[in-house]
Amino acid sequence: MSSFHKRNLLAYAHYASDHTTGKGKGAVTVHFEPHKPALDLEFTYGPTRATRTYASYSAEHSHVKHIGIEHSFTSFGKRHLLDCTWLPQRDMCNLKYSLNIDKRNQLTGYFGFRQVFKKNWERNSDRLEVISRLASNNSIRIQYDVQMKATKAKVSHKLDLKNVVEGEYSYLSKYKQSGSIGWKRVINNVNNLNMIADWGPRKYTCEWINKTADGPWTIKAQTSFDKPFHQIELSIKRRLEFLSQQSSR
């Protein structure tokens, strides 16, 4: 697999997610990674409860990283979500379609296109995902990447009201497999802790989330299996929520 395809896949996976404004109609997220260093600003605005627009700006490179719009609707008694993201610097477009089959099962498709403003534009990634919330506090998520023919399965088990354990297995070929284990802990009403050991990138991750009245802090620390613990890569996110929707409720 070419390095270009890898970069596109990583960018595609990063942006193919829902965008939240928290308690308000709008939010600004500051994302700082001091080890690079890199500073990104992410803007999200929801003019209605069903629609969100969003954009990300790189202060390091002085350009817009992506622009997108997300819309949810109900049709034939099912909940649907459409998400379209444009990455101008890469001339790429990512589409996401999600269908809530019922209260326990969700089906999502991710589709990536490159060279979208040229005559020879082409699809460069397709990924399918199924999430099923099983009985006994368990859930399973299965992803399949069509181009790479790679499969990923993740199982989550809720131990109690404050603890969740997770295990993930990735299969690319019989020579390239990996897995991860994780633990999520609800410390109190405003603090959460997530810890992961991932044998893919061979990294430990510790993430602390602190919820404040106007938006959360998210501090993530990562270190390699093969490096001393003090060689940490730090990521700091601060989301500021505004334009409260309480008055419209």
Protein backbone atom coordinates (compact mmCIF):
# COMPACT_ATOMS: atom_id res chain seq x y z
CA MET A 1 0.00 0.00 0.00
CA SER A 2 1.42 3.40 -0.99
CA SER A 3 2.23 6.08 1.58
CA PHE A 4 -0.21 8.39 -0.23
CA HIS A 5 -3.06 5.94 0.34
CA LYS A 6 -2.07 5.62 4.00
CA ARG A 7 -2.17 9.40 4.49
CA ASN A 8 -5.56 9.65 2.82
CA LEU A 9 -6.93 6.79 4.92
CA LEU A 10 -5.76 8.42 8.16
CA ALA A 11 -7.23 11.78 7.22
CA TYR A 12 -10.46 10.11 6.15
CA ALA A 13 -10.80 8.20 9.38
CA HIS A 14 -10.09 11.29 11.48
CA TYR A 15 -12.79 13.50 9.98
CA ALA A 16 -15.50 10.90 9.46
CA SER A 17 -17.13 11.49 12.82
CA ASP A 18 -20.06 13.39 14.29
CA HIS A 19 -19.46 16.98 15.33
CA THR A 20 -20.88 18.30 18.57
CA THR A 21 -21.63 21.76 19.89
CA GLY A 22 -22.40 20.51 23.39
CA LYS A 23 -25.12 22.43 25.19
CA GLY A 24 -25.09 25.37 22.79
CA LYS A 25 -25.62 26.03 19.10
CA GLY A 26 -21.96 26.86 18.52
CA ALA A 27 -18.55 25.73 19.71
CA VAL A 28 -14.89 26.60 19.16
CA THR A 29 -12.28 23.96 19.95
CA VAL A 30 -8.61 24.83 20.41
CA HIS A 31 -6.32 21.83 19.80
CA PHE A 32 -2.65 22.17 20.75
CA GLU A 33 0.07 19.53 20.32
CA PRO A 34 3.28 20.96 21.85
CA HIS A 35 5.58 18.14 20.65
CA LYS A 36 5.05 19.07 16.95
CA PRO A 37 4.20 21.96 17.65
CA ALA A 38 0.75 22.33 16.07
CA LEU A 39 -2.28 24.50 16.81
CA ASP A 40 -5.68 23.87 15.20
CA LEU A 41 -8.94 25.76 15.61
CA GLU A 42 -12.18 23.87 15.03
CA PHE A 43 -15.49 25.70 14.57
CA THR A 44 -18.93 24.06 14.80
CA TYR A 45 -22.33 25.72 14.42
CA GLY A 46 -25.76 24.10 14.56
CA PRO A 47 -28.43 26.44 13.14
CA THR A 48 -31.02 23.74 13.97
CA ARG A 49 -30.99 20.59 16.05
CA ALA A 50 -30.74 18.50 12.87
CA THR A 51 -27.96 20.38 11.05
CA ARG A 52 -24.37 21.24 11.91
CA THR A 53 -21.72 23.03 9.90
CA TYR A 54 -18.06 22.79 10.82
CA ALA A 55 -14.56 23.83 9.77
CA SER A 56 -10.98 23.39 10.94
CA TYR A 57 -8.10 25.85 10.54
CA SER A 58 -4.40 25.05 10.94
CA ALA A 59 -2.54 27.95 12.55
CA GLU A 60 0.75 26.15 11.91
CA HIS A 61 0.27 26.05 8.12
CA SER A 62 -2.16 29.01 7.83
CA HIS A 63 -4.81 27.19 5.84
CA VAL A 64 -8.28 25.65 6.18
CA LYS A 65 -7.96 21.91 6.81
CA HIS A 66 -11.57 20.93 6.18
CA ILE A 67 -15.10 22.29 5.82
CA GLY A 68 -18.26 20.24 6.22
CA ILE A 69 -21.95 19.93 6.91
CA GLU A 70 -23.86 17.23 8.78
CA HIS A 71 -27.63 16.67 8.67
CA SER A 72 -29.86 14.13 10.42
CA PHE A 73 -33.44 13.27 9.48
CA THR A 74 -36.14 10.65 9.96
CA SER A 75 -37.50 8.66 7.01
CA PHE A 76 -39.60 5.46 6.94
CA GLY A 77 -39.46 5.44 10.73
CA LYS A 78 -35.64 5.27 10.77
CA ARG A 79 -33.07 7.83 11.84
CA HIS A 80 -30.54 8.80 9.14
CA LEU A 81 -27.43 10.97 9.17
CA LEU A 82 -25.52 12.44 6.21
CA ASP A 83 -22.10 14.06 6.62
CA CYS A 84 -20.03 15.67 3.85
CA THR A 85 -16.47 16.97 4.41
CA TRP A 86 -14.21 18.78 1.94
CA LEU A 87 -10.44 18.89 2.45
CA PRO A 88 -9.30 21.73 0.13
CA GLN A 89 -5.56 21.24 0.57
CA ARG A 90 -5.82 17.62 -0.54
CA ASP A 91 -8.67 18.08 -3.03
CA MET A 92 -10.57 15.33 -1.23
CA CYS A 93 -14.19 14.83 -0.23
CA ASN A 94 -15.45 12.39 2.41
CA LEU A 95 -19.06 11.25 2.72
CA LYS A 96 -20.68 9.46 5.63
CA TYR A 97 -24.12 7.86 5.74
CA SER A 98 -25.45 6.37 8.96
CA LEU A 99 -28.71 4.47 9.52
CA ASN A 100 -30.18 3.55 12.89
CA ILE A 101 -31.76 0.21 12.04
CA ASP A 102 -33.38 -0.03 15.47
CA LYS A 103 -32.59 0.95 19.06
CA ARG A 104 -29.67 -1.48 19.25
CA ASN A 105 -28.16 -1.60 15.76
CA GLN A 106 -26.54 1.03 13.55
CA LEU A 107 -25.08 0.75 10.04
CA THR A 108 -22.61 3.32 8.69
CA GLY A 109 -20.81 3.72 5.36
CA TYR A 110 -17.78 5.97 4.78
CA PHE A 111 -16.78 6.91 1.23
CA GLY A 112 -13.72 8.92 0.25
CA PHE A 113 -13.02 10.68 -3.07
CA ARG A 114 -9.88 12.45 -4.29
CA GLN A 115 -9.19 14.87 -7.15
CA VAL A 116 -12.83 15.94 -6.86
CA PHE A 117 -12.36 19.12 -8.92
CA LYS A 118 -10.65 17.31 -11.79
CA LYS A 119 -12.13 15.22 -14.57
CA ASN A 120 -10.36 12.09 -13.35
CA TRP A 121 -11.71 12.17 -9.78
CA GLU A 122 -11.86 8.77 -8.16
CA ARG A 123 -12.90 6.95 -5.01
CA ASN A 124 -9.95 6.18 -2.79
CA SER A 125 -11.58 4.65 0.28
CA ASP A 126 -14.73 2.80 1.28
CA ARG A 127 -15.43 1.57 4.77
CA LEU A 128 -18.47 -0.16 6.27
CA GLU A 129 -19.28 -0.27 9.97
CA VAL A 130 -21.87 -2.09 12.06
CA ILE A 131 -22.50 -1.29 15.73
CA SER A 132 -24.68 -3.60 17.78
CA ARG A 133 -25.62 -3.03 21.41
CA LEU A 134 -26.05 -6.48 22.85
CA ALA A 135 -27.74 -7.59 26.04
CA SER A 136 -25.84 -7.82 29.34
CA ASN A 137 -24.13 -4.42 28.92
CA ASN A 138 -22.08 -5.49 25.89
CA SER A 139 -21.62 -3.89 22.48
CA ILE A 140 -19.69 -4.85 19.36
CA ARG A 141 -18.43 -2.76 16.46
CA ILE A 142 -17.19 -4.32 13.21
CA GLN A 143 -15.49 -2.31 10.46
CA TYR A 144 -14.45 -3.46 6.99
CA ASP A 145 -12.21 -1.44 4.68
CA VAL A 146 -13.05 -2.38 1.09
CA GLN A 147 -9.84 -1.11 -0.54
CA MET A 148 -7.45 -2.53 2.04
CA LYS A 149 -9.55 -5.66 2.68
CA ALA A 150 -8.97 -5.04 6.37
CA THR A 151 -11.30 -5.96 9.22
CA LYS A 152 -11.49 -4.46 12.69
CA ALA A 153 -13.67 -5.71 15.55
CA LYS A 154 -14.17 -4.00 18.90
CA VAL A 155 -16.01 -5.38 21.92
CA SER A 156 -17.07 -3.24 24.89
CA HIS A 157 -18.28 -4.56 28.23
CA LYS A 158 -19.82 -2.38 30.93
CA LEU A 159 -18.66 -3.68 34.30
CA ASP A 160 -20.77 -1.26 36.31
CA LEU A 161 -22.01 2.34 36.18
CA LYS A 162 -18.45 3.71 36.27
CA ASN A 163 -16.27 1.18 34.44
CA VAL A 164 -16.11 -0.09 30.85
CA VAL A 165 -13.46 -2.42 29.41
CA GLU A 166 -12.79 -2.70 25.67
CA GLY A 167 -10.85 -4.99 23.40
CA GLU A 168 -10.10 -4.46 19.69
CA TYR A 169 -8.63 -6.74 17.02
CA SER A 170 -7.43 -5.62 13.58
CA TYR A 171 -6.72 -7.96 10.66
CA LEU A 172 -5.00 -6.76 7.47
CA SER A 173 -3.31 -10.02 6.47
CA LYS A 174 -1.99 -13.13 8.17
CA TYR A 175 1.30 -11.26 8.53
CA LYS A 176 -0.19 -7.99 9.76
CA GLN A 177 -2.49 -8.13 12.76
CA SER A 178 -2.81 -6.09 15.92
CA GLY A 179 -4.96 -5.53 18.96
CA SER A 180 -5.65 -3.16 21.81
CA ILE A 181 -7.17 -3.20 25.27
CA GLY A 182 -8.74 -0.24 27.04
CA TRP A 183 -10.40 0.87 30.25
CA LYS A 184 -12.85 3.74 30.66
CA ARG A 185 -13.51 5.09 34.13
CA VAL A 186 -16.13 7.64 35.20
CA ILE A 187 -14.46 9.29 38.18
CA ASN A 188 -17.33 11.65 39.02
CA ASN A 189 -19.89 13.85 37.26
CA VAL A 190 -17.22 16.03 35.62
CA ASN A 191 -14.14 13.81 35.22
CA ASN A 192 -13.56 10.77 33.00
CA LEU A 193 -10.39 8.73 32.47
CA ASN A 194 -9.56 6.53 29.45
CA MET A 195 -6.51 4.26 29.21
CA ILE A 196 -5.47 2.21 26.16
CA ALA A 197 -2.60 -0.09 25.23
CA ASP A 198 -2.49 -0.43 21.42
CA TRP A 199 -0.19 -2.96 19.72
CA GLY A 200 -0.81 -1.39 16.27
CA PRO A 201 1.16 1.86 16.69
CA ARG A 202 2.70 0.29 19.83
CA LYS A 203 1.60 3.10 22.11
CA TYR A 204 0.09 3.63 25.52
CA THR A 205 -2.60 6.32 25.73
CA CYS A 206 -4.00 8.05 28.79
CA GLU A 207 -6.84 10.54 28.29
CA TRP A 208 -8.45 12.77 30.91
CA ILE A 209 -11.71 14.61 30.19
CA ASN A 210 -12.86 17.41 32.49
CA LYS A 211 -16.35 18.78 31.84
CA THR A 212 -16.85 22.44 32.71
CA ALA A 213 -19.95 24.62 32.43
CA ASP A 214 -18.90 26.07 29.05
CA GLY A 215 -17.27 23.00 27.51
CA PRO A 216 -14.78 20.22 28.26
CA TRP A 217 -11.00 20.00 28.55
CA THR A 218 -9.47 16.89 26.93
CA ILE A 219 -5.85 16.12 27.74
CA LYS A 220 -4.26 13.11 26.06
CA ALA A 221 -0.79 11.71 26.73
CA GLN A 222 0.81 9.05 24.51
CA THR A 223 4.10 7.22 24.80
CA SER A 224 5.65 4.41 22.77
CA PHE A 225 6.14 0.86 24.01
CA ASP A 226 9.81 1.20 23.04
CA LYS A 227 10.57 4.57 24.65
CA PRO A 228 10.91 5.76 28.25
CA PHE A 229 7.67 6.92 29.86
CA HIS A 230 8.94 10.48 30.22
CA GLN A 231 9.04 10.86 26.40
CA ILE A 232 5.37 11.79 26.17
CA GLU A 233 3.43 13.24 23.25
CA LEU A 234 0.82 15.58 24.67
CA SER A 235 -2.46 16.73 23.11
CA ILE A 236 -4.59 19.44 24.73
CA LYS A 237 -8.13 20.27 23.58
CA ARG A 238 -10.44 22.92 24.96
CA ARG A 239 -13.97 23.25 23.60
CA LEU A 240 -15.83 26.49 24.32
CA GLU A 241 -19.59 26.24 23.87
CA PHE A 242 -21.79 29.26 23.25
CA LEU A 243 -25.25 30.34 21.98
CA SER A 244 -27.17 28.31 24.56
CA GLN A 245 -30.24 26.45 23.29
CA GLN A 246 -32.00 26.52 26.65
CA SER A 247 -34.18 29.44 25.64
CA SER A 248 -35.54 27.47 22.66
CA ARG A 249 -36.47 24.41 24.69
